[in-house]
C-alpha atoms as a PDB file:
ATOM      1  CA  MET A   1       7.299 -14.412  -7.261  1.00  0.00           C
ATOM      2  CA  SER A   2       4.889 -17.336  -7.098  1.00  0.00           C
ATOM      3  CA  GLN A   3       3.681 -16.288  -3.668  1.00  0.00           C
ATOM      4  CA  ILE A   4       2.942 -12.757  -4.915  1.00  0.00           C
ATOM      5  CA  ILE A   5       0.780 -14.138  -7.688  1.00  0.00           C
ATOM      6  CA  ASN A   6      -1.023 -16.357  -5.189  1.00  0.00           C
ATOM      7  CA  ILE A   7      -1.694 -13.360  -2.943  1.00  0.00           C
ATOM      8  CA  GLU A   8      -2.998 -11.362  -5.901  1.00  0.00           C
ATOM      9  CA  GLN A   9      -5.211 -14.261  -6.955  1.00  0.00           C
ATOM     10  CA  ALA A  10      -6.574 -14.679  -3.441  1.00  0.00           C
ATOM     11  CA  ILE A  11      -7.325 -10.965  -3.193  1.00  0.00           C
ATOM     12  CA  LEU A  12      -9.080 -10.929  -6.565  1.00  0.00           C
ATOM     13  CA  GLU A  13     -11.124 -14.034  -5.796  1.00  0.00           C
ATOM     14  CA  ASN A  14     -12.287 -12.582  -2.496  1.00  0.00           C
ATOM     15  CA  LEU A  15     -12.848  -9.146  -3.976  1.00  0.00           C
ATOM     16  CA  ARG A  16     -15.136 -10.563  -6.657  1.00  0.00           C
ATOM     17  CA  SER A  17     -17.383 -12.069  -4.002  1.00  0.00           C
ATOM     18  CA  LEU A  18     -18.027  -8.690  -2.373  1.00  0.00           C
ATOM     19  CA  SER A  19     -20.718  -6.173  -3.185  1.00  0.00           C
ATOM     20  CA  HIS A  20     -19.755  -3.062  -5.134  1.00  0.00           C
ATOM     21  CA  ASP A  21     -19.849  -0.979  -1.937  1.00  0.00           C
ATOM     22  CA  LYS A  22     -17.453  -3.344  -0.169  1.00  0.00           C
ATOM     23  CA  GLN A  23     -15.179  -3.439  -3.215  1.00  0.00           C
ATOM     24  CA  GLN A  24     -15.013   0.363  -3.029  1.00  0.00           C
ATOM     25  CA  GLU A  25     -14.065   0.136   0.659  1.00  0.00           C
ATOM     26  CA  VAL A  26     -11.254  -2.272  -0.225  1.00  0.00           C
ATOM     27  CA  LEU A  27     -10.017   0.092  -2.930  1.00  0.00           C
ATOM     28  CA  ASP A  28     -10.140   3.052  -0.543  1.00  0.00           C
ATOM     29  CA  PHE A  29      -8.144   1.100   2.040  1.00  0.00           C
ATOM     30  CA  VAL A  30      -5.528  -0.010  -0.484  1.00  0.00           C
ATOM     31  CA  GLU A  31      -5.129   3.572  -1.698  1.00  0.00           C
ATOM     32  CA  PHE A  32      -4.756   4.687   1.931  1.00  0.00           C
ATOM     33  CA  LEU A  33      -2.000   2.106   2.492  1.00  0.00           C
ATOM     34  CA  VAL A  34      -0.187   3.173  -0.673  1.00  0.00           C
ATOM     35  CA  GLN A  35      -0.330   6.839   0.360  1.00  0.00           C
ATOM     36  CA  LYS A  36       0.745   6.037   3.913  1.00  0.00           C
ATOM     37  CA  THR A  37       3.737   4.096   2.617  1.00  0.00           C
ATOM     38  CA  ALA A  38       4.672   6.898   0.213  1.00  0.00           C
ATOM     39  CA  ASN A  39       4.458   9.459   3.018  1.00  0.00           C
ATOM     40  CA  ARG A  40       6.590   7.304   5.317  1.00  0.00           C
ATOM     41  CA  ASN A  41       9.223   6.838   2.610  1.00  0.00           C
ATOM     42  CA  GLN A  42       9.261  10.559   1.917  1.00  0.00           C
ATOM     43  CA  LEU A  43       9.729  11.341   5.624  1.00  0.00           C
ATOM     44  CA  GLN A  44      12.567   8.829   5.852  1.00  0.00           C
ATOM     45  CA  GLN A  45      14.289  10.451   2.871  1.00  0.00           C
ATOM     46  CA  ILE A  46      13.943  13.885   4.460  1.00  0.00           C
ATOM     47  CA  ALA A  47      15.304  12.603   7.783  1.00  0.00           C
ATOM     48  CA  THR A  48      18.245  10.977   6.025  1.00  0.00           C
ATOM     49  CA  GLY A  49      19.001  14.234   4.215  1.00  0.00           C
ATOM     50  CA  VAL A  50      18.856  16.217   7.453  1.00  0.00           C
ATOM     51  CA  ARG A  51      21.171  13.764   9.227  1.00  0.00           C
ATOM     52  CA  TYR A  52      23.589  13.877   6.292  1.00  0.00           C
ATOM     53  CA  ARG A  53      23.712  17.682   6.410  1.00  0.00           C
ATOM     54  CA  LEU A  54      24.267  17.665  10.165  1.00  0.00           C
ATOM     55  CA  LEU A  55      27.274  15.370   9.876  1.00  0.00           C
END
């Protein structure tokens, strides 16, 4: 847990040093990663369901 907090702190400290435009780019990228992960998880759940039905 301590390492997570340190990562969050490091991200925030670096984020604060960026211009507003760069902060927006960081936010856009983070949102992209979150969506990509959600899509991947959803595809894995679908694939698992299909395999289960085929067995």
